[in-house]
N, C-alpha and C. Protein backbone atom coordinates (compact mmCIF):
# COMPACT_ATOMS: atom_id res chain seq x y z
N MET A 1 -18.87 105.27 -193.75
CA MET A 1 -18.31 104.42 -194.78
C MET A 1 -18.35 105.13 -196.13
N ASP A 2 -19.41 105.86 -196.31
CA ASP A 2 -19.58 106.56 -197.58
C ASP A 2 -18.45 107.58 -197.77
N LEU A 3 -18.10 108.29 -196.70
CA LEU A 3 -17.04 109.30 -196.79
C LEU A 3 -15.68 108.66 -197.03
N GLU A 4 -15.43 107.53 -196.38
CA GLU A 4 -14.16 106.84 -196.58
C GLU A 4 -14.04 106.33 -198.00
N ALA A 5 -15.11 105.77 -198.56
CA ALA A 5 -15.06 105.23 -199.92
C ALA A 5 -14.84 106.34 -200.93
N ARG A 6 -15.31 107.53 -200.67
CA ARG A 6 -15.15 108.65 -201.60
C ARG A 6 -13.73 109.21 -201.59
N SER A 7 -13.04 108.97 -200.49
CA SER A 7 -11.69 109.52 -200.38
C SER A 7 -10.63 108.60 -200.99
N LEU A 8 -11.01 107.41 -201.40
CA LEU A 8 -10.05 106.45 -201.96
C LEU A 8 -9.80 106.74 -203.44
N GLN A 9 -8.88 105.95 -204.00
CA GLN A 9 -8.53 106.10 -205.41
C GLN A 9 -9.73 105.77 -206.30
N PRO A 10 -9.84 106.37 -207.50
CA PRO A 10 -11.01 106.22 -208.36
C PRO A 10 -11.32 104.79 -208.75
N ASN A 11 -10.35 103.94 -209.01
CA ASN A 11 -10.65 102.57 -209.43
C ASN A 11 -11.23 101.75 -208.29
N VAL A 12 -10.80 101.96 -207.07
CA VAL A 12 -11.32 101.25 -205.90
C VAL A 12 -12.62 101.92 -205.44
N LYS A 13 -12.70 103.23 -205.57
CA LYS A 13 -13.84 104.02 -205.13
C LYS A 13 -15.14 103.57 -205.82
N ALA A 14 -15.13 103.31 -207.12
CA ALA A 14 -16.33 102.93 -207.86
C ALA A 14 -16.87 101.59 -207.37
N VAL A 15 -15.99 100.63 -207.14
CA VAL A 15 -16.41 99.30 -206.68
C VAL A 15 -17.02 99.39 -205.29
N LEU A 16 -16.35 100.14 -204.39
CA LEU A 16 -16.84 100.25 -203.02
C LEU A 16 -18.18 101.00 -202.95
N LEU A 17 -18.33 102.05 -203.76
CA LEU A 17 -19.60 102.80 -203.75
C LEU A 17 -20.76 101.94 -204.28
N ALA A 18 -20.49 101.08 -205.28
CA ALA A 18 -21.53 100.18 -205.79
C ALA A 18 -21.95 99.20 -204.71
N LYS A 19 -20.96 98.62 -204.00
CA LYS A 19 -21.29 97.67 -202.91
C LYS A 19 -22.06 98.38 -201.81
N LEU A 20 -21.64 99.62 -201.51
CA LEU A 20 -22.30 100.39 -200.46
C LEU A 20 -23.78 100.65 -200.81
N ARG A 21 -24.04 100.97 -202.07
CA ARG A 21 -25.44 101.17 -202.50
C ARG A 21 -26.24 99.89 -202.35
N GLU A 22 -25.67 98.74 -202.70
CA GLU A 22 -26.36 97.44 -202.54
C GLU A 22 -26.68 97.19 -201.07
N TYR A 23 -25.71 97.47 -200.20
CA TYR A 23 -25.93 97.23 -198.78
C TYR A 23 -27.04 98.13 -198.23
N LYS A 24 -27.04 99.40 -198.67
CA LYS A 24 -28.10 100.32 -198.22
C LYS A 24 -29.47 99.84 -198.70
N TYR A 25 -29.52 99.39 -199.93
CA TYR A 25 -30.78 98.88 -200.49
C TYR A 25 -31.26 97.67 -199.69
N ASP A 26 -30.35 96.72 -199.42
CA ASP A 26 -30.71 95.53 -198.63
C ASP A 26 -31.16 95.92 -197.22
N LEU A 27 -30.46 96.90 -196.62
CA LEU A 27 -30.83 97.34 -195.28
C LEU A 27 -32.24 97.94 -195.27
N ASN A 28 -32.56 98.76 -196.25
CA ASN A 28 -33.91 99.34 -196.32
C ASN A 28 -34.98 98.27 -196.51
N ASN A 29 -34.69 97.26 -197.34
CA ASN A 29 -35.64 96.15 -197.52
C ASN A 29 -35.87 95.40 -196.23
N LEU A 30 -34.79 95.12 -195.51
CA LEU A 30 -34.91 94.41 -194.23
C LEU A 30 -35.70 95.23 -193.21
N LYS A 31 -35.48 96.54 -193.19
CA LYS A 31 -36.22 97.40 -192.26
C LYS A 31 -37.72 97.36 -192.57
N SER A 32 -38.08 97.43 -193.88
CA SER A 32 -39.51 97.41 -194.24
C SER A 32 -40.14 96.06 -193.90
N GLU A 33 -39.40 94.96 -194.11
CA GLU A 33 -39.94 93.64 -193.72
C GLU A 33 -40.14 93.55 -192.23
N HIS A 34 -39.18 94.09 -191.47
CA HIS A 34 -39.29 94.06 -190.01
C HIS A 34 -40.54 94.83 -189.56
N LYS A 35 -40.77 96.00 -190.16
CA LYS A 35 -41.95 96.78 -189.80
C LYS A 35 -43.23 96.01 -190.12
N ARG A 36 -43.23 95.35 -191.28
CA ARG A 36 -44.41 94.58 -191.68
C ARG A 36 -44.69 93.46 -190.70
N PHE A 37 -43.64 92.72 -190.31
CA PHE A 37 -43.84 91.62 -189.36
C PHE A 37 -44.23 92.14 -187.99
N ALA A 38 -43.66 93.24 -187.59
CA ALA A 38 -43.98 93.80 -186.28
C ALA A 38 -45.43 94.27 -186.25
N SER A 39 -45.88 94.92 -187.35
CA SER A 39 -47.26 95.38 -187.36
C SER A 39 -48.22 94.19 -187.46
N ALA A 40 -47.82 93.13 -188.17
CA ALA A 40 -48.66 91.93 -188.26
C ALA A 40 -48.79 91.28 -186.90
N ASN A 41 -47.71 91.22 -186.17
CA ASN A 41 -47.76 90.63 -184.82
C ASN A 41 -48.60 91.48 -183.89
N SER A 42 -48.47 92.81 -184.00
CA SER A 42 -49.27 93.68 -183.13
C SER A 42 -50.75 93.58 -183.54
N ASN A 43 -51.01 93.49 -184.85
CA ASN A 43 -52.39 93.31 -185.31
C ASN A 43 -52.95 91.98 -184.83
N GLN A 44 -52.13 90.93 -184.87
CA GLN A 44 -52.57 89.61 -184.41
C GLN A 44 -52.87 89.66 -182.91
N ALA A 45 -52.02 90.36 -182.16
CA ALA A 45 -52.25 90.46 -180.72
C ALA A 45 -53.54 91.23 -180.43
N ALA A 46 -53.75 92.32 -181.16
CA ALA A 46 -54.97 93.09 -180.98
C ALA A 46 -56.19 92.27 -181.37
N ARG A 47 -56.04 91.51 -182.41
CA ARG A 47 -57.14 90.65 -182.87
C ARG A 47 -57.46 89.59 -181.82
N ASP A 48 -56.42 88.98 -181.28
CA ASP A 48 -56.63 87.97 -180.22
C ASP A 48 -57.32 88.57 -179.01
N ASP A 49 -56.92 89.80 -178.64
CA ASP A 49 -57.56 90.46 -177.50
C ASP A 49 -59.05 90.70 -177.77
N LEU A 50 -59.34 91.14 -178.98
CA LEU A 50 -60.74 91.38 -179.32
C LEU A 50 -61.55 90.09 -179.30
N LEU A 51 -60.95 89.03 -179.84
CA LEU A 51 -61.67 87.75 -179.88
C LEU A 51 -61.91 87.20 -178.48
N GLU A 52 -60.91 87.34 -177.61
CA GLU A 52 -61.08 86.83 -176.24
C GLU A 52 -62.15 87.62 -175.50
N SER A 53 -62.17 88.93 -175.69
CA SER A 53 -63.17 89.73 -174.98
C SER A 53 -64.56 89.50 -175.57
N GLY A 54 -64.60 89.16 -176.84
CA GLY A 54 -65.89 88.97 -177.49
C GLY A 54 -66.43 87.56 -177.39
N MET A 55 -65.68 86.63 -176.84
CA MET A 55 -66.15 85.24 -176.77
C MET A 55 -67.40 85.10 -175.90
N ALA A 56 -67.49 85.89 -174.84
CA ALA A 56 -68.67 85.81 -173.98
C ALA A 56 -69.90 86.24 -174.74
N ASP A 57 -69.75 87.30 -175.54
CA ASP A 57 -70.88 87.80 -176.33
C ASP A 57 -71.16 86.91 -177.53
N ALA A 58 -70.17 86.16 -177.97
CA ALA A 58 -70.32 85.35 -179.18
C ALA A 58 -71.39 84.28 -179.01
N MET A 59 -71.48 83.71 -177.83
CA MET A 59 -72.48 82.67 -177.61
C MET A 59 -73.89 83.22 -177.73
N SER A 60 -74.14 84.38 -177.13
CA SER A 60 -75.48 84.96 -177.21
C SER A 60 -75.75 85.45 -178.62
N VAL A 61 -74.74 86.00 -179.28
CA VAL A 61 -74.90 86.46 -180.65
C VAL A 61 -75.16 85.27 -181.57
N SER A 62 -74.47 84.17 -181.31
CA SER A 62 -74.65 82.98 -182.13
C SER A 62 -76.07 82.44 -182.01
N ALA A 63 -76.60 82.40 -180.81
CA ALA A 63 -77.98 81.92 -180.61
C ALA A 63 -78.97 82.86 -181.29
N ASN A 64 -78.71 84.17 -181.19
CA ASN A 64 -79.58 85.16 -181.81
C ASN A 64 -79.53 85.01 -183.34
N GLN A 65 -78.34 84.84 -183.87
CA GLN A 65 -78.20 84.67 -185.31
C GLN A 65 -78.87 83.38 -185.77
N ARG A 66 -78.76 82.32 -184.98
CA ARG A 66 -79.39 81.05 -185.34
C ARG A 66 -80.91 81.21 -185.41
N GLY A 67 -81.46 81.94 -184.44
CA GLY A 67 -82.91 82.18 -184.46
C GLY A 67 -83.35 82.98 -185.67
N ARG A 68 -82.59 84.03 -185.98
CA ARG A 68 -82.92 84.83 -187.17
C ARG A 68 -82.77 84.01 -188.44
N LEU A 69 -81.74 83.16 -188.48
CA LEU A 69 -81.53 82.31 -189.65
C LEU A 69 -82.69 81.34 -189.83
N MET A 70 -83.18 80.77 -188.75
CA MET A 70 -84.31 79.83 -188.84
C MET A 70 -85.57 80.55 -189.31
N MET A 71 -85.79 81.77 -188.80
CA MET A 71 -86.97 82.53 -189.24
C MET A 71 -86.85 82.89 -190.71
N SER A 72 -85.66 83.26 -191.14
CA SER A 72 -85.46 83.61 -192.55
C SER A 72 -85.66 82.39 -193.44
N THR A 73 -85.18 81.25 -193.00
CA THR A 73 -85.36 80.01 -193.76
C THR A 73 -86.83 79.65 -193.88
N GLU A 74 -87.57 79.82 -192.79
CA GLU A 74 -89.00 79.53 -192.81
C GLU A 74 -89.74 80.45 -193.77
N ARG A 75 -89.40 81.75 -193.74
CA ARG A 75 -90.03 82.70 -194.67
C ARG A 75 -89.68 82.37 -196.11
N LEU A 76 -88.44 81.95 -196.33
CA LEU A 76 -88.01 81.58 -197.68
C LEU A 76 -88.79 80.37 -198.18
N ASN A 77 -88.99 79.39 -197.32
CA ASN A 77 -89.77 78.20 -197.70
C ASN A 77 -91.22 78.56 -198.01
N GLU A 78 -91.80 79.45 -197.20
CA GLU A 78 -93.18 79.88 -197.46
C GLU A 78 -93.27 80.61 -198.80
N SER A 79 -92.30 81.46 -199.07
CA SER A 79 -92.29 82.18 -200.35
C SER A 79 -92.15 81.21 -201.51
N SER A 80 -91.32 80.20 -201.34
CA SER A 80 -91.15 79.20 -202.40
C SER A 80 -92.46 78.46 -202.65
N ASP A 81 -93.18 78.12 -201.58
CA ASP A 81 -94.47 77.44 -201.74
C ASP A 81 -95.47 78.33 -202.47
N ARG A 82 -95.49 79.64 -202.13
CA ARG A 82 -96.40 80.55 -202.82
C ARG A 82 -96.04 80.67 -204.30
N ILE A 83 -94.76 80.68 -204.60
CA ILE A 83 -94.34 80.76 -206.00
C ILE A 83 -94.76 79.51 -206.75
N LYS A 84 -94.60 78.35 -206.12
CA LYS A 84 -95.01 77.09 -206.78
C LYS A 84 -96.51 77.08 -207.04
N GLU A 85 -97.29 77.54 -206.07
CA GLU A 85 -98.74 77.59 -206.22
C GLU A 85 -99.13 78.57 -207.33
N SER A 86 -98.47 79.71 -207.38
CA SER A 86 -98.74 80.70 -208.43
C SER A 86 -98.40 80.13 -209.80
N ARG A 87 -97.31 79.41 -209.88
CA ARG A 87 -96.91 78.81 -211.15
C ARG A 87 -97.95 77.77 -211.60
N ARG A 88 -98.43 76.97 -210.66
CA ARG A 88 -99.45 75.97 -210.99
C ARG A 88 -100.72 76.66 -211.50
N THR A 89 -101.13 77.73 -210.83
CA THR A 89 -102.32 78.48 -211.25
C THR A 89 -102.11 79.08 -212.64
N MET A 90 -100.91 79.60 -212.88
CA MET A 90 -100.60 80.19 -214.19
C MET A 90 -100.69 79.14 -215.29
N LEU A 91 -100.18 77.94 -215.04
CA LEU A 91 -100.24 76.88 -216.04
C LEU A 91 -101.68 76.45 -216.32
N GLU A 92 -102.49 76.36 -215.27
CA GLU A 92 -103.89 76.01 -215.45
C GLU A 92 -104.61 77.08 -216.28
N THR A 93 -104.32 78.35 -215.99
CA THR A 93 -104.94 79.45 -216.72
C THR A 93 -104.51 79.42 -218.18
N GLU A 94 -103.25 79.10 -218.41
CA GLU A 94 -102.75 79.03 -219.79
C GLU A 94 -103.46 77.91 -220.55
N GLU A 95 -103.63 76.76 -219.91
CA GLU A 95 -104.34 75.65 -220.56
C GLU A 95 -105.77 76.04 -220.89
N LEU A 96 -106.44 76.72 -219.96
CA LEU A 96 -107.81 77.16 -220.19
C LEU A 96 -107.87 78.15 -221.36
N GLY A 97 -106.91 79.08 -221.42
CA GLY A 97 -106.86 80.04 -222.52
C GLY A 97 -106.66 79.36 -223.86
N VAL A 98 -105.79 78.35 -223.91
CA VAL A 98 -105.56 77.61 -225.15
C VAL A 98 -106.84 76.91 -225.58
N SER A 99 -107.54 76.31 -224.62
CA SER A 99 -108.79 75.63 -224.92
C SER A 99 -109.83 76.61 -225.48
N ILE A 100 -109.93 77.78 -224.85
CA ILE A 100 -110.90 78.79 -225.32
C ILE A 100 -110.54 79.25 -226.73
N LEU A 101 -109.25 79.48 -227.00
CA LEU A 101 -108.84 79.91 -228.33
C LEU A 101 -109.14 78.84 -229.38
N GLN A 102 -108.98 77.57 -229.01
CA GLN A 102 -109.31 76.50 -229.96
C GLN A 102 -110.81 76.48 -230.25
N ASP A 103 -111.63 76.64 -229.21
CA ASP A 103 -113.07 76.69 -229.40
C ASP A 103 -113.48 77.86 -230.29
N LEU A 104 -112.88 79.02 -230.04
CA LEU A 104 -113.18 80.19 -230.85
C LEU A 104 -112.77 79.98 -232.31
N HIS A 105 -111.65 79.32 -232.52
CA HIS A 105 -111.19 79.04 -233.88
C HIS A 105 -112.20 78.13 -234.60
N GLN A 106 -112.69 77.10 -233.90
CA GLN A 106 -113.68 76.20 -234.50
C GLN A 106 -114.97 76.94 -234.81
N GLN A 107 -115.39 77.81 -233.89
CA GLN A 107 -116.61 78.58 -234.13
C GLN A 107 -116.43 79.52 -235.32
N ARG A 108 -115.27 80.12 -235.44
CA ARG A 108 -115.00 81.01 -236.57
C ARG A 108 -115.07 80.23 -237.88
N GLN A 109 -114.47 79.05 -237.88
CA GLN A 109 -114.51 78.24 -239.09
C GLN A 109 -115.95 77.88 -239.45
N SER A 110 -116.76 77.54 -238.44
CA SER A 110 -118.17 77.22 -238.70
C SER A 110 -118.91 78.43 -239.27
N LEU A 111 -118.67 79.61 -238.69
CA LEU A 111 -119.33 80.82 -239.18
C LEU A 111 -118.91 81.15 -240.61
N LEU A 112 -117.64 81.01 -240.91
CA LEU A 112 -117.17 81.27 -242.27
C LEU A 112 -117.80 80.29 -243.26
N HIS A 113 -117.87 79.04 -242.86
CA HIS A 113 -118.48 78.04 -243.74
C HIS A 113 -119.97 78.36 -243.96
N ALA A 114 -120.67 78.74 -242.87
CA ALA A 114 -122.08 79.09 -242.98
C ALA A 114 -122.25 80.32 -243.86
N ASN A 115 -121.38 81.29 -243.72
CA ASN A 115 -121.45 82.50 -244.54
C ASN A 115 -121.25 82.16 -246.01
N ASP A 116 -120.28 81.32 -246.30
CA ASP A 116 -120.04 80.92 -247.70
C ASP A 116 -121.25 80.18 -248.26
N THR A 117 -121.84 79.33 -247.47
CA THR A 117 -123.02 78.57 -247.91
C THR A 117 -124.18 79.50 -248.20
N ILE A 118 -124.44 80.45 -247.31
CA ILE A 118 -125.54 81.40 -247.51
C ILE A 118 -125.30 82.23 -248.75
N PHE A 119 -124.07 82.69 -248.94
CA PHE A 119 -123.74 83.49 -250.10
C PHE A 119 -123.99 82.71 -251.39
N LEU A 120 -123.59 81.44 -251.38
CA LEU A 120 -123.82 80.61 -252.57
C LEU A 120 -125.30 80.39 -252.82
N LEU A 121 -126.06 80.19 -251.74
CA LEU A 121 -127.50 79.98 -251.89
C LEU A 121 -128.19 81.25 -252.40
N LEU A 122 -127.71 82.40 -252.01
CA LEU A 122 -128.31 83.64 -252.48
C LEU A 122 -127.98 83.91 -253.94
N LYS A 123 -126.85 83.43 -254.36
CA LYS A 123 -126.46 83.64 -255.76
C LYS A 123 -127.30 82.79 -256.71
N VAL A 124 -127.77 81.64 -256.25
CA VAL A 124 -128.51 80.72 -257.12
C VAL A 124 -129.77 81.38 -257.68
N PRO A 125 -130.67 82.00 -256.88
CA PRO A 125 -131.86 82.61 -257.48
C PRO A 125 -131.51 83.76 -258.44
N TYR A 126 -130.48 84.51 -258.14
CA TYR A 126 -130.09 85.59 -259.02
C TYR A 126 -129.60 85.04 -260.35
N ARG A 127 -128.84 83.98 -260.30
CA ARG A 127 -128.36 83.38 -261.54
C ARG A 127 -129.52 82.75 -262.33
N LEU A 128 -130.48 82.19 -261.61
CA LEU A 128 -131.65 81.66 -262.29
C LEU A 128 -132.39 82.77 -263.03
N HIS A 129 -132.48 83.90 -262.40
CA HIS A 129 -133.12 85.05 -263.02
C HIS A 129 -132.40 85.45 -264.30
N LEU A 130 -131.08 85.45 -264.23
CA LEU A 130 -130.32 85.80 -265.42
C LEU A 130 -130.54 84.77 -266.54
N LEU A 131 -130.63 83.52 -266.15
CA LEU A 131 -130.82 82.47 -267.16
C LEU A 131 -132.23 82.47 -267.74
N THR A 132 -133.22 82.61 -266.88
CA THR A 132 -134.60 82.49 -267.33
C THR A 132 -135.21 83.84 -267.70
N GLY A 133 -134.64 84.90 -267.19
CA GLY A 133 -135.20 86.21 -267.47
C GLY A 133 -136.36 86.54 -266.58
N LYS A 134 -136.67 85.67 -265.66
CA LYS A 134 -137.78 85.92 -264.75
C LYS A 134 -137.23 86.02 -263.33
N PHE A 135 -137.86 86.87 -262.59
CA PHE A 135 -137.50 86.97 -261.18
C PHE A 135 -138.76 87.33 -260.44
N GLU A 136 -139.18 86.46 -259.58
CA GLU A 136 -140.45 86.66 -258.92
C GLU A 136 -140.24 87.33 -257.58
N GLY A 137 -141.09 88.26 -257.29
CA GLY A 137 -141.09 88.91 -255.98
C GLY A 137 -140.18 90.12 -255.94
N LYS A 138 -140.81 91.30 -255.92
CA LYS A 138 -140.04 92.52 -255.91
C LYS A 138 -139.29 92.67 -254.58
N ASP A 139 -139.90 92.34 -253.46
CA ASP A 139 -139.26 92.44 -252.16
C ASP A 139 -138.08 91.47 -252.06
N GLU A 140 -138.30 90.29 -252.60
CA GLU A 140 -137.23 89.28 -252.59
C GLU A 140 -136.04 89.78 -253.39
N ARG A 141 -136.30 90.44 -254.47
CA ARG A 141 -135.24 90.96 -255.33
C ARG A 141 -134.44 92.02 -254.58
N LYS A 142 -135.11 92.93 -253.90
CA LYS A 142 -134.41 93.97 -253.14
C LYS A 142 -133.55 93.36 -252.04
N ARG A 143 -134.10 92.39 -251.37
CA ARG A 143 -133.35 91.75 -250.28
C ARG A 143 -132.10 91.06 -250.82
N LEU A 144 -132.26 90.37 -251.91
CA LEU A 144 -131.13 89.68 -252.50
C LEU A 144 -130.08 90.65 -253.02
N MET A 145 -130.52 91.76 -253.55
CA MET A 145 -129.58 92.74 -254.06
C MET A 145 -128.76 93.35 -252.92
N ARG A 146 -129.41 93.61 -251.81
CA ARG A 146 -128.68 94.16 -250.66
C ARG A 146 -127.68 93.13 -250.13
N LYS A 147 -128.08 91.91 -250.06
CA LYS A 147 -127.20 90.85 -249.54
C LYS A 147 -126.08 90.55 -250.51
N GLY A 148 -126.36 90.56 -251.76
CA GLY A 148 -125.37 90.21 -252.78
C GLY A 148 -124.38 91.33 -253.04
N GLY A 149 -124.70 92.54 -252.61
CA GLY A 149 -123.81 93.65 -252.81
C GLY A 149 -123.88 94.26 -254.18
N ARG A 150 -124.92 93.87 -255.02
CA ARG A 150 -125.04 94.41 -256.38
C ARG A 150 -126.41 95.10 -256.48
N LYS A 151 -126.44 96.15 -257.24
CA LYS A 151 -127.71 96.83 -257.50
C LYS A 151 -127.94 96.88 -258.99
N ASN A 152 -129.04 96.30 -259.43
CA ASN A 152 -129.43 96.35 -260.85
C ASN A 152 -130.81 96.95 -260.90
N LYS A 153 -130.98 97.93 -261.71
CA LYS A 153 -132.30 98.56 -261.86
C LYS A 153 -132.83 98.34 -263.22
């Protein structure tokens, strides 16, 4: 057809060659679709053959898989229980730690208050000495000077 269309007059030749190209394009598309459907049908047939031959094994495989699935589920439940227990222990430990920190904070406050009180009490005799000009006890004076952080000679 291609040769006949080329031998015709130029005005008819262009129209026929355009139609011929469209027909060739359509033919190639139809051929590719046919191959696709043919391979799909052959794949489906092969698949059906495999499934039929494997049906006998499928029952034993299914029971085996069910057993493994049950064992896996049981292990998963045990792991979940261990995680819950660990979480509970962690929360108890955290509460105990918070309690200990609160106790330590109270003890620190008590020690700071006691330290401030002692410091104030030690300052009183020294200030009395400054006011009265008398200070009794040489050993007492040395002790107070060391505690007060001042040295006067």
